[in-house]
Amino acid sequence: MDGLRLIVGLGNPGPEHARTRHNAGFRFADAVAERFGGRFGVEAKLFGETARVDIGGRPVWLLKPATFMNLSGKSVLAAQRFWKIEPEQTLVVHDELDLPPGVARLKFDGGHGGQNGLRDIMRLLGHGRFHRLRIGIGHPGSKDKVTPWVLGRAGTDDDILTGRAIDDALDVLPLAVSGNFMDAMTRLHTPRGQGPEARGQ
């Protein structure tokens, strides 16, 4: 399978949404730019902010849609068309209610699980055949608390755990970019301290 050429971080624009749970995707995109030396700039025709980085010798575009979460697809499709990038070469990074803070998981294809950014991207693409990086934010316990939960800021402990999950995902990103998704998943999904390094293999 092809490697990654586009990494999309999902979130809501504006300072009032910064560091909210729903903006885990933006946070990841910013972390990628920081680690791999990219700078975001506004790209009006792509309805978002973009940056270009080099990961393991491969050029990768970063995108943060400026459309608000539930209209993310407009920006994603514009970027894919403009840079001639296939959905299968795209990684969409989003917050995930079904994973606890501190956990990040890679997957390919699947449903949207109620995540409005994914829902809009899939509506416009007509399918879900793209890679996802799911960053756990935990679940508030009942459905009627979900909206204030995702739009709220995490407490200190959860915020630290989210930062750790993002670091873990950054560590395996060069593998995913090169198309080595199985190794990236194996490394990311193995609990800390149980990987081959810890076992002396």
N, C-alpha and C. Protein backbone atom coordinates (compact mmCIF):
# COMPACT_ATOMS: atom_id res chain seq x y z
N MET A 1 0.84 -1.20 0.00
CA MET A 1 0.00 0.00 0.00
C MET A 1 0.87 1.24 0.00
N ASP A 2 0.39 2.26 -0.69
CA ASP A 2 1.09 3.53 -0.74
C ASP A 2 1.30 4.11 0.65
N GLY A 3 2.33 4.92 0.78
CA GLY A 3 2.54 5.64 2.03
C GLY A 3 1.63 6.86 2.12
N LEU A 4 1.88 7.68 3.13
CA LEU A 4 1.06 8.87 3.37
C LEU A 4 1.65 10.09 2.67
N ARG A 5 0.77 10.89 2.09
CA ARG A 5 1.19 12.16 1.50
C ARG A 5 0.47 13.35 2.12
N LEU A 6 -0.62 13.06 2.85
CA LEU A 6 -1.41 14.12 3.47
C LEU A 6 -1.84 13.70 4.87
N ILE A 7 -1.59 14.57 5.84
CA ILE A 7 -2.05 14.35 7.21
C ILE A 7 -3.01 15.49 7.56
N VAL A 8 -4.24 15.11 7.90
CA VAL A 8 -5.28 16.09 8.23
C VAL A 8 -5.56 16.02 9.72
N GLY A 9 -5.41 17.11 10.41
CA GLY A 9 -5.81 17.19 11.81
C GLY A 9 -7.18 17.83 11.89
N LEU A 10 -8.13 17.18 12.55
CA LEU A 10 -9.48 17.73 12.66
C LEU A 10 -9.62 18.54 13.95
N GLY A 11 -10.40 19.61 13.84
CA GLY A 11 -10.64 20.46 15.00
C GLY A 11 -11.55 21.60 14.61
N ASN A 12 -11.79 22.49 15.55
CA ASN A 12 -12.55 23.70 15.30
C ASN A 12 -11.62 24.90 15.38
N PRO A 13 -11.73 25.84 14.43
CA PRO A 13 -10.84 27.01 14.44
C PRO A 13 -11.22 28.01 15.54
N GLY A 14 -10.29 28.88 15.86
CA GLY A 14 -10.55 29.94 16.83
C GLY A 14 -9.97 29.66 18.19
N PRO A 15 -9.51 30.71 18.88
CA PRO A 15 -8.85 30.55 20.18
C PRO A 15 -9.74 29.91 21.24
N GLU A 16 -11.06 30.10 21.12
CA GLU A 16 -11.95 29.54 22.15
C GLU A 16 -11.99 28.01 22.08
N HIS A 17 -11.55 27.44 20.95
CA HIS A 17 -11.56 25.98 20.80
C HIS A 17 -10.18 25.37 21.01
N ALA A 18 -9.17 26.20 21.17
CA ALA A 18 -7.80 25.68 21.33
C ALA A 18 -7.73 24.79 22.57
N ARG A 19 -7.05 23.67 22.41
CA ARG A 19 -6.80 22.72 23.51
C ARG A 19 -8.06 22.05 24.04
N THR A 20 -9.18 22.14 23.34
CA THR A 20 -10.35 21.36 23.75
C THR A 20 -10.13 19.91 23.30
N ARG A 21 -10.89 19.01 23.90
CA ARG A 21 -10.74 17.59 23.55
C ARG A 21 -11.00 17.36 22.06
N HIS A 22 -11.97 18.09 21.51
CA HIS A 22 -12.36 17.91 20.11
C HIS A 22 -11.24 18.33 19.16
N ASN A 23 -10.28 19.10 19.66
CA ASN A 23 -9.20 19.61 18.81
C ASN A 23 -7.93 18.76 18.91
N ALA A 24 -8.07 17.51 19.32
CA ALA A 24 -6.90 16.63 19.40
C ALA A 24 -6.20 16.50 18.05
N GLY A 25 -6.98 16.54 16.96
CA GLY A 25 -6.38 16.44 15.63
C GLY A 25 -5.51 17.64 15.30
N PHE A 26 -5.99 18.85 15.63
CA PHE A 26 -5.18 20.06 15.44
C PHE A 26 -3.89 19.96 16.26
N ARG A 27 -4.05 19.48 17.47
CA ARG A 27 -2.90 19.38 18.37
C ARG A 27 -1.84 18.44 17.78
N PHE A 28 -2.31 17.34 17.19
CA PHE A 28 -1.37 16.40 16.56
C PHE A 28 -0.69 17.05 15.35
N ALA A 29 -1.47 17.74 14.50
CA ALA A 29 -0.90 18.38 13.32
C ALA A 29 0.16 19.41 13.73
N ASP A 30 -0.13 20.18 14.78
CA ASP A 30 0.86 21.15 15.28
C ASP A 30 2.12 20.44 15.77
N ALA A 31 1.94 19.28 16.43
CA ALA A 31 3.08 18.53 16.94
C ALA A 31 3.93 17.97 15.79
N VAL A 32 3.28 17.54 14.71
CA VAL A 32 4.02 17.06 13.54
C VAL A 32 4.86 18.19 12.96
N ALA A 33 4.23 19.37 12.79
CA ALA A 33 4.95 20.52 12.24
C ALA A 33 6.14 20.89 13.12
N GLU A 34 5.93 20.83 14.42
CA GLU A 34 7.01 21.19 15.36
C GLU A 34 8.16 20.19 15.28
N ARG A 35 7.84 18.90 15.25
CA ARG A 35 8.90 17.89 15.25
C ARG A 35 9.64 17.84 13.93
N PHE A 36 8.92 18.03 12.81
CA PHE A 36 9.54 17.83 11.50
C PHE A 36 9.81 19.14 10.75
N GLY A 37 9.68 20.26 11.47
CA GLY A 37 10.14 21.53 10.92
C GLY A 37 9.24 22.17 9.88
N GLY A 38 7.92 22.14 10.12
CA GLY A 38 6.99 22.82 9.21
C GLY A 38 6.39 24.05 9.84
N ARG A 39 5.91 24.95 8.99
CA ARG A 39 5.23 26.16 9.49
C ARG A 39 3.89 26.29 8.80
N PHE A 40 2.83 26.44 9.57
CA PHE A 40 1.50 26.56 8.99
C PHE A 40 1.26 27.96 8.44
N GLY A 41 0.58 28.01 7.30
CA GLY A 41 0.15 29.27 6.72
C GLY A 41 -1.26 29.08 6.17
N VAL A 42 -2.03 30.16 6.10
CA VAL A 42 -3.41 30.08 5.62
C VAL A 42 -3.41 29.84 4.11
N GLU A 43 -4.22 28.89 3.68
CA GLU A 43 -4.37 28.57 2.25
C GLU A 43 -5.86 28.67 1.93
N ALA A 44 -6.29 29.88 1.50
CA ALA A 44 -7.72 30.16 1.36
C ALA A 44 -8.41 29.19 0.40
N LYS A 45 -7.75 28.83 -0.69
CA LYS A 45 -8.42 27.98 -1.68
C LYS A 45 -8.61 26.55 -1.18
N LEU A 46 -7.91 26.19 -0.09
CA LEU A 46 -8.08 24.87 0.51
C LEU A 46 -8.87 24.94 1.82
N PHE A 47 -9.38 26.12 2.11
CA PHE A 47 -10.25 26.32 3.29
C PHE A 47 -9.57 25.85 4.58
N GLY A 48 -8.30 26.20 4.74
CA GLY A 48 -7.61 25.78 5.95
C GLY A 48 -6.20 26.31 6.03
N GLU A 49 -5.46 25.79 6.99
CA GLU A 49 -4.04 26.10 7.13
C GLU A 49 -3.24 24.89 6.69
N THR A 50 -2.13 25.13 5.99
CA THR A 50 -1.32 24.04 5.48
C THR A 50 0.15 24.24 5.85
N ALA A 51 0.87 23.15 5.88
CA ALA A 51 2.32 23.17 6.09
C ALA A 51 2.90 21.99 5.31
N ARG A 52 4.17 22.09 4.96
CA ARG A 52 4.84 20.99 4.26
C ARG A 52 6.02 20.55 5.11
N VAL A 53 6.13 19.25 5.32
CA VAL A 53 7.23 18.72 6.12
C VAL A 53 7.90 17.58 5.35
N ASP A 54 9.06 17.22 5.82
CA ASP A 54 9.79 16.08 5.27
C ASP A 54 9.87 15.02 6.37
N ILE A 55 9.29 13.85 6.12
CA ILE A 55 9.28 12.78 7.13
C ILE A 55 9.94 11.55 6.52
N GLY A 56 11.12 11.22 7.02
CA GLY A 56 11.84 10.07 6.50
C GLY A 56 12.19 10.21 5.04
N GLY A 57 12.48 11.44 4.61
CA GLY A 57 12.86 11.68 3.22
C GLY A 57 11.70 11.81 2.26
N ARG A 58 10.48 11.82 2.79
CA ARG A 58 9.30 11.96 1.93
C ARG A 58 8.56 13.26 2.24
N PRO A 59 8.14 13.98 1.20
CA PRO A 59 7.36 15.20 1.44
C PRO A 59 5.93 14.86 1.86
N VAL A 60 5.45 15.52 2.89
CA VAL A 60 4.10 15.28 3.40
C VAL A 60 3.44 16.64 3.64
N TRP A 61 2.18 16.77 3.20
CA TRP A 61 1.41 17.97 3.47
C TRP A 61 0.61 17.80 4.76
N LEU A 62 0.53 18.87 5.53
CA LEU A 62 -0.31 18.90 6.73
C LEU A 62 -1.46 19.88 6.47
N LEU A 63 -2.64 19.51 6.96
CA LEU A 63 -3.82 20.35 6.76
C LEU A 63 -4.62 20.45 8.04
N LYS A 64 -4.98 21.70 8.39
CA LYS A 64 -5.94 21.94 9.48
C LYS A 64 -7.12 22.71 8.88
N PRO A 65 -8.24 22.02 8.63
CA PRO A 65 -9.39 22.72 8.05
C PRO A 65 -9.85 23.87 8.92
N ALA A 66 -10.25 24.97 8.26
CA ALA A 66 -10.74 26.15 8.99
C ALA A 66 -12.26 26.24 8.90
N THR A 67 -12.90 25.11 8.60
CA THR A 67 -14.32 25.10 8.26
C THR A 67 -15.24 24.75 9.42
N PHE A 68 -14.73 24.53 10.59
CA PHE A 68 -15.47 23.90 11.68
C PHE A 68 -15.63 22.41 11.37
N MET A 69 -15.67 21.66 12.45
CA MET A 69 -15.56 20.20 12.39
C MET A 69 -16.55 19.56 11.41
N ASN A 70 -17.83 19.97 11.50
CA ASN A 70 -18.85 19.24 10.74
C ASN A 70 -18.83 19.55 9.24
N LEU A 71 -17.92 20.43 8.80
CA LEU A 71 -17.77 20.73 7.37
C LEU A 71 -16.34 20.42 6.89
N SER A 72 -15.64 19.58 7.63
CA SER A 72 -14.23 19.30 7.34
C SER A 72 -14.00 18.75 5.94
N GLY A 73 -14.98 18.01 5.42
CA GLY A 73 -14.79 17.35 4.13
C GLY A 73 -14.48 18.31 2.99
N LYS A 74 -15.05 19.49 3.05
CA LYS A 74 -14.83 20.49 1.99
C LYS A 74 -13.34 20.81 1.85
N SER A 75 -12.68 20.99 2.98
CA SER A 75 -11.24 21.31 2.98
C SER A 75 -10.41 20.09 2.57
N VAL A 76 -10.78 18.92 3.09
CA VAL A 76 -10.02 17.70 2.80
C VAL A 76 -10.08 17.36 1.31
N LEU A 77 -11.27 17.41 0.72
CA LEU A 77 -11.39 17.10 -0.70
C LEU A 77 -10.68 18.13 -1.56
N ALA A 78 -10.76 19.40 -1.18
CA ALA A 78 -10.06 20.44 -1.94
C ALA A 78 -8.55 20.17 -1.94
N ALA A 79 -8.01 19.78 -0.79
CA ALA A 79 -6.57 19.51 -0.68
C ALA A 79 -6.19 18.27 -1.50
N GLN A 80 -7.00 17.22 -1.41
CA GLN A 80 -6.69 16.00 -2.16
C GLN A 80 -6.69 16.29 -3.67
N ARG A 81 -7.64 17.08 -4.12
CA ARG A 81 -7.72 17.40 -5.56
C ARG A 81 -6.56 18.29 -5.97
N PHE A 82 -6.27 19.29 -5.15
CA PHE A 82 -5.24 20.26 -5.50
C PHE A 82 -3.86 19.60 -5.58
N TRP A 83 -3.56 18.74 -4.62
CA TRP A 83 -2.24 18.09 -4.59
C TRP A 83 -2.24 16.71 -5.26
N LYS A 84 -3.41 16.33 -5.84
CA LYS A 84 -3.54 15.02 -6.51
C LYS A 84 -3.12 13.87 -5.58
N ILE A 85 -3.77 13.85 -4.43
CA ILE A 85 -3.50 12.84 -3.40
C ILE A 85 -4.74 11.96 -3.25
N GLU A 86 -4.52 10.65 -3.23
CA GLU A 86 -5.63 9.70 -3.09
C GLU A 86 -6.09 9.62 -1.63
N PRO A 87 -7.36 9.28 -1.40
CA PRO A 87 -7.82 9.06 -0.02
C PRO A 87 -6.94 8.05 0.72
N GLU A 88 -6.49 7.00 0.01
CA GLU A 88 -5.67 5.95 0.63
C GLU A 88 -4.29 6.46 1.06
N GLN A 89 -3.91 7.65 0.58
CA GLN A 89 -2.63 8.27 0.95
C GLN A 89 -2.84 9.34 2.03
N THR A 90 -4.03 9.34 2.61
CA THR A 90 -4.42 10.39 3.57
C THR A 90 -4.59 9.79 4.96
N LEU A 91 -4.07 10.50 5.96
CA LEU A 91 -4.29 10.15 7.37
C LEU A 91 -5.12 11.25 8.01
N VAL A 92 -6.28 10.89 8.54
CA VAL A 92 -7.14 11.84 9.23
C VAL A 92 -7.01 11.60 10.73
N VAL A 93 -6.67 12.64 11.46
CA VAL A 93 -6.40 12.52 12.90
C VAL A 93 -7.56 13.17 13.67
N HIS A 94 -8.15 12.42 14.59
CA HIS A 94 -9.34 12.93 15.28
C HIS A 94 -9.42 12.42 16.71
N ASP A 95 -10.22 13.10 17.51
CA ASP A 95 -10.50 12.69 18.89
C ASP A 95 -11.41 11.47 18.87
N GLU A 96 -11.26 10.59 19.85
CA GLU A 96 -12.00 9.33 19.89
C GLU A 96 -12.57 9.08 21.28
N LEU A 97 -13.91 9.15 21.39
CA LEU A 97 -14.60 8.94 22.67
C LEU A 97 -14.41 7.53 23.21
N ASP A 98 -14.25 6.55 22.32
CA ASP A 98 -14.22 5.15 22.74
C ASP A 98 -12.84 4.68 23.21
N LEU A 99 -11.87 5.57 23.23
CA LEU A 99 -10.53 5.24 23.74
C LEU A 99 -10.21 6.14 24.92
N PRO A 100 -9.54 5.62 25.95
CA PRO A 100 -9.19 6.46 27.10
C PRO A 100 -8.06 7.42 26.75
N PRO A 101 -7.94 8.51 27.49
CA PRO A 101 -6.80 9.41 27.29
C PRO A 101 -5.48 8.64 27.45
N GLY A 102 -4.51 8.98 26.64
CA GLY A 102 -3.22 8.28 26.69
C GLY A 102 -3.10 7.18 25.66
N VAL A 103 -4.19 6.90 24.95
CA VAL A 103 -4.19 5.83 23.95
C VAL A 103 -4.40 6.43 22.56
N ALA A 104 -3.58 6.01 21.60
CA ALA A 104 -3.76 6.39 20.20
C ALA A 104 -3.76 5.12 19.36
N ARG A 105 -4.62 5.07 18.37
CA ARG A 105 -4.76 3.87 17.54
C ARG A 105 -4.85 4.24 16.07
N LEU A 106 -4.14 3.49 15.23
CA LEU A 106 -4.23 3.64 13.79
C LEU A 106 -5.23 2.63 13.23
N LYS A 107 -5.97 3.03 12.22
CA LYS A 107 -6.83 2.08 11.52
C LYS A 107 -7.04 2.58 10.10
N PHE A 108 -7.50 1.67 9.24
CA PHE A 108 -7.83 2.03 7.86
C PHE A 108 -9.28 1.66 7.61
N ASP A 109 -10.02 2.59 6.99
CA ASP A 109 -11.40 2.35 6.61
C ASP A 109 -12.28 2.22 7.86
N GLY A 110 -13.56 1.97 7.66
CA GLY A 110 -14.49 1.85 8.77
C GLY A 110 -15.52 2.97 8.76
N GLY A 111 -16.35 2.99 9.79
CA GLY A 111 -17.41 3.99 9.90
C GLY A 111 -16.88 5.28 10.53
N HIS A 112 -17.82 6.18 10.82
CA HIS A 112 -17.41 7.47 11.42
C HIS A 112 -17.62 7.49 12.93
N GLY A 113 -18.35 6.51 13.47
CA GLY A 113 -18.53 6.43 14.92
C GLY A 113 -19.13 7.67 15.55
N GLY A 114 -19.90 8.44 14.75
CA GLY A 114 -20.51 9.65 15.29
C GLY A 114 -19.60 10.86 15.29
N GLN A 115 -18.35 10.70 14.83
CA GLN A 115 -17.42 11.84 14.78
C GLN A 115 -17.79 12.70 13.57
N ASN A 116 -18.18 13.96 13.84
CA ASN A 116 -18.77 14.78 12.77
C ASN A 116 -17.80 15.13 11.65
N GLY A 117 -16.54 15.26 11.95
CA GLY A 117 -15.56 15.54 10.91
C GLY A 117 -15.43 14.36 9.96
N LEU A 118 -15.30 13.16 10.53
CA LEU A 118 -15.23 11.94 9.71
C LEU A 118 -16.51 11.77 8.90
N ARG A 119 -17.64 12.04 9.54
CA ARG A 119 -18.94 11.88 8.87
C ARG A 119 -18.99 12.74 7.60
N ASP A 120 -18.51 13.98 7.69
CA ASP A 120 -18.57 14.88 6.55
C ASP A 120 -17.58 14.47 5.46
N ILE A 121 -16.39 14.05 5.85
CA ILE A 121 -15.40 13.59 4.87
C ILE A 121 -15.94 12.39 4.11
N MET A 122 -16.53 11.44 4.83
CA MET A 122 -17.06 10.24 4.20
C MET A 122 -18.28 10.56 3.33
N ARG A 123 -19.06 11.53 3.73
CA ARG A 123 -20.23 11.94 2.93
C ARG A 123 -19.77 12.46 1.57
N LEU A 124 -18.73 13.27 1.56
CA LEU A 124 -18.26 13.86 0.31
C LEU A 124 -17.43 12.89 -0.52
N LEU A 125 -16.66 12.03 0.14
CA LEU A 125 -15.87 11.04 -0.60
C LEU A 125 -16.75 9.90 -1.13
N GLY A 126 -17.80 9.58 -0.38
CA GLY A 126 -18.64 8.45 -0.74
C GLY A 126 -18.14 7.13 -0.17
N HIS A 127 -17.10 7.19 0.65
CA HIS A 127 -16.54 5.98 1.29
C HIS A 127 -15.65 6.39 2.46
N GLY A 128 -15.10 5.39 3.14
CA GLY A 128 -14.24 5.67 4.29
C GLY A 128 -12.84 5.11 4.13
N ARG A 129 -12.41 4.92 2.88
CA ARG A 129 -11.12 4.26 2.65
C ARG A 129 -9.95 5.23 2.76
N PHE A 130 -9.71 5.66 3.98
CA PHE A 130 -8.54 6.47 4.30
C PHE A 130 -8.06 6.04 5.68
N HIS A 131 -6.85 6.41 5.99
CA HIS A 131 -6.28 6.04 7.29
C HIS A 131 -6.76 7.01 8.36
N ARG A 132 -6.90 6.47 9.57
CA ARG A 132 -7.30 7.32 10.70
C ARG A 132 -6.31 7.11 11.85
N LEU A 133 -6.04 8.18 12.55
CA LEU A 133 -5.34 8.10 13.83
C LEU A 133 -6.33 8.60 14.87
N ARG A 134 -6.73 7.69 15.75
CA ARG A 134 -7.75 7.99 16.76
C ARG A 134 -7.04 8.31 18.07
N ILE A 135 -7.25 9.51 18.57
CA ILE A 135 -6.62 9.94 19.82
C ILE A 135 -7.67 9.92 20.94
N GLY A 136 -7.45 9.05 21.92
CA GLY A 136 -8.45 8.85 22.97
C GLY A 136 -8.68 10.08 23.83
N ILE A 137 -9.96 10.38 24.06
CA ILE A 137 -10.31 11.48 24.97
C ILE A 137 -11.21 10.98 26.11
N GLY A 138 -11.54 9.66 26.09
CA GLY A 138 -12.42 9.12 27.11
C GLY A 138 -13.87 9.51 26.85
N HIS A 139 -14.77 8.91 27.61
CA HIS A 139 -16.20 9.15 27.43
C HIS A 139 -16.77 9.66 28.76
N PRO A 140 -17.66 10.67 28.70
CA PRO A 140 -18.19 11.24 29.94
C PRO A 140 -19.17 10.32 30.68
N GLY A 141 -19.58 9.22 30.02
CA GLY A 141 -20.45 8.27 30.71
C GLY A 141 -21.87 8.23 30.21
N SER A 142 -22.39 9.35 29.73
CA SER A 142 -23.73 9.32 29.15
C SER A 142 -23.78 10.20 27.90
N LYS A 143 -24.67 9.84 27.00
CA LYS A 143 -24.72 10.50 25.69
C LYS A 143 -25.00 11.99 25.79
N ASP A 144 -25.86 12.38 26.74
CA ASP A 144 -26.23 13.79 26.81
C ASP A 144 -25.10 14.68 27.33
N LYS A 145 -24.03 14.06 27.80
CA LYS A 145 -22.88 14.86 28.27
C LYS A 145 -21.77 14.95 27.22
N VAL A 146 -21.96 14.28 26.07
CA VAL A 146 -20.87 14.20 25.09
C VAL A 146 -20.48 15.56 24.52
N THR A 147 -21.48 16.38 24.14
CA THR A 147 -21.15 17.66 23.50
C THR A 147 -20.33 18.57 24.42
N PRO A 148 -20.77 18.84 25.66
CA PRO A 148 -19.92 19.66 26.53
C PRO A 148 -18.57 19.01 26.82
N TRP A 149 -18.54 17.68 26.83
CA TRP A 149 -17.28 16.97 27.09
C TRP A 149 -16.28 17.23 25.97
N VAL A 150 -16.70 16.99 24.71
CA VAL A 150 -15.74 17.15 23.61
C VAL A 150 -15.34 18.62 23.41
N LEU A 151 -16.27 19.52 23.72
CA LEU A 151 -15.97 20.94 23.52
C LEU A 151 -15.28 21.57 24.74
N GLY A 152 -15.09 20.76 25.78
CA GLY A 152 -14.41 21.24 26.98
C GLY A 152 -12.92 20.90 26.95
N ARG A 153 -12.20 21.46 27.91
CA ARG A 153 -10.77 21.18 28.02
C ARG A 153 -10.56 20.07 29.05
N ALA A 154 -9.62 19.21 28.76
CA ALA A 154 -9.32 18.10 29.67
C ALA A 154 -8.61 18.62 30.92
N GLY A 155 -8.74 17.87 32.01
CA GLY A 155 -7.99 18.20 33.22
C GLY A 155 -6.50 17.95 33.00
N THR A 156 -5.69 18.37 33.96
CA THR A 156 -4.24 18.29 33.81
C THR A 156 -3.75 16.88 33.53
N ASP A 157 -4.23 15.91 34.29
CA ASP A 157 -3.76 14.53 34.11
C ASP A 157 -4.09 14.00 32.72
N ASP A 158 -5.35 14.19 32.29
CA ASP A 158 -5.76 13.72 30.96
C ASP A 158 -5.00 14.45 29.86
N ASP A 159 -4.74 15.74 30.08
CA ASP A 159 -4.01 16.53 29.09
C ASP A 159 -2.59 15.98 28.90
N ILE A 160 -1.97 15.62 30.01
CA ILE A 160 -0.62 15.03 29.95
C ILE A 160 -0.66 13.70 29.21
N LEU A 161 -1.68 12.89 29.52
CA LEU A 161 -1.82 11.59 28.84
C LEU A 161 -2.03 11.76 27.34
N THR A 162 -2.82 12.76 26.96
CA THR A 162 -3.05 13.02 25.53
C THR A 162 -1.75 13.40 24.85
N GLY A 163 -0.96 14.24 25.51
CA GLY A 163 0.34 14.62 24.97
C GLY A 163 1.25 13.41 24.78
N ARG A 164 1.16 12.47 25.71
CA ARG A 164 1.97 11.25 25.63
C ARG A 164 1.53 10.38 24.45
N ALA A 165 0.21 10.26 24.26
CA ALA A 165 -0.32 9.49 23.14
C ALA A 165 0.12 10.11 21.81
N ILE A 166 0.11 11.43 21.75
CA ILE A 166 0.55 12.12 20.53
C ILE A 166 2.03 11.86 20.28
N ASP A 167 2.84 11.90 21.31
CA ASP A 167 4.27 11.59 21.16
C ASP A 167 4.48 10.17 20.65
N ASP A 168 3.71 9.22 21.21
CA ASP A 168 3.81 7.82 20.77
C ASP A 168 3.47 7.71 19.28
N ALA A 169 2.43 8.42 18.86
CA ALA A 169 2.02 8.37 17.45
C ALA A 169 3.07 9.03 16.55
N LEU A 170 3.66 10.12 17.03
CA LEU A 170 4.73 10.78 16.26
C LEU A 170 5.92 9.84 16.05
N ASP A 171 6.20 9.02 17.05
CA ASP A 171 7.34 8.11 16.96
C ASP A 171 7.17 7.09 15.84
N VAL A 172 5.92 6.68 15.57
CA VAL A 172 5.69 5.66 14.53
C VAL A 172 5.30 6.28 13.18
N LEU A 173 5.18 7.60 13.15
CA LEU A 173 4.72 8.26 11.93
C LEU A 173 5.62 8.00 10.72
N PRO A 174 6.95 8.00 10.88
CA PRO A 174 7.79 7.71 9.70
C PRO A 174 7.49 6.34 9.08
N LEU A 175 7.14 5.36 9.90
CA LEU A 175 6.76 4.04 9.38
C LEU A 175 5.49 4.14 8.53
N ALA A 176 4.50 4.85 9.03
CA ALA A 176 3.24 5.00 8.30
C ALA A 176 3.45 5.78 7.01
N VAL A 177 4.24 6.83 7.08
CA VAL A 177 4.51 7.66 5.89
C VAL A 177 5.17 6.82 4.79
N SER A 178 6.04 5.90 5.19
CA SER A 178 6.74 5.07 4.21
C SER A 178 5.86 3.92 3.70
N GLY A 179 4.63 3.79 4.24
CA GLY A 179 3.72 2.75 3.80
C GLY A 179 3.77 1.48 4.64
N ASN A 180 4.58 1.52 5.70
CA ASN A 180 4.75 0.34 6.56
C ASN A 180 3.74 0.39 7.71
N PHE A 181 2.47 0.30 7.36
CA PHE A 181 1.40 0.51 8.35
C PHE A 181 1.34 -0.58 9.40
N MET A 182 1.61 -1.82 9.00
CA MET A 182 1.52 -2.91 9.98
C MET A 182 2.53 -2.71 11.11
N ASP A 183 3.77 -2.36 10.76
CA ASP A 183 4.78 -2.12 11.80
C ASP A 183 4.39 -0.91 12.65
N ALA A 184 3.86 0.13 12.00
CA ALA A 184 3.45 1.32 12.75
C ALA A 184 2.36 0.96 13.75
N MET A 185 1.37 0.16 13.30
CA MET A 185 0.28 -0.25 14.20
C MET A 185 0.80 -1.11 15.34
N THR A 186 1.66 -2.08 15.01
CA THR A 186 2.18 -2.98 16.04
C THR A 186 2.91 -2.19 17.12
N ARG A 187 3.74 -1.25 16.71
CA ARG A 187 4.49 -0.46 17.69
C ARG A 187 3.58 0.45 18.51
N LEU A 188 2.61 1.07 17.83
CA LEU A 188 1.73 2.01 18.53
C LEU A 188 0.76 1.30 19.46
N HIS A 189 0.31 0.11 19.07
CA HIS A 189 -0.73 -0.59 19.82
C HIS A 189 -0.18 -1.51 20.91
N THR A 190 1.14 -1.63 20.99
CA THR A 190 1.76 -2.44 22.05
C THR A 190 1.90 -1.57 23.30
N PRO A 191 1.39 -2.01 24.44
CA PRO A 191 1.49 -1.19 25.66
C PRO A 191 2.94 -0.84 25.98
N ARG A 192 3.11 0.33 26.55
CA ARG A 192 4.47 0.77 26.94
C ARG A 192 5.15 -0.28 27.80
N GLY A 193 6.42 -0.48 27.54
CA GLY A 193 7.19 -1.42 28.35
C GLY A 193 7.01 -2.87 27.95
N GLN A 194 6.22 -3.12 26.87
CA GLN A 194 6.02 -4.50 26.43
C GLN A 194 6.48 -4.72 24.99
N GLY A 195 7.11 -3.69 24.40
CA GLY A 195 7.58 -3.81 23.03
C GLY A 195 8.81 -4.68 22.94
N PRO A 196 9.29 -4.95 21.72
CA PRO A 196 10.50 -5.78 21.52
C PRO A 196 11.71 -5.23 22.27
N GLU A 197 11.81 -3.87 22.35
CA GLU A 197 12.97 -3.29 23.04
C GLU A 197 12.97 -3.71 24.52
N ALA A 198 11.75 -3.68 25.11
CA ALA A 198 11.64 -3.99 26.54
C ALA A 198 11.96 -5.47 26.81
N ARG A 199 11.68 -6.32 25.81
CA ARG A 199 11.92 -7.74 25.99
C ARG A 199 13.32 -8.16 25.52
N GLY A 200 14.07 -7.19 25.07
CA GLY A 200 15.45 -7.47 24.66
C GLY A 200 15.53 -8.21 23.34
N GLN A 201 14.52 -8.07 22.51
CA GLN A 201 14.53 -8.74 21.20
C GLN A 201 15.07 -7.83 20.12
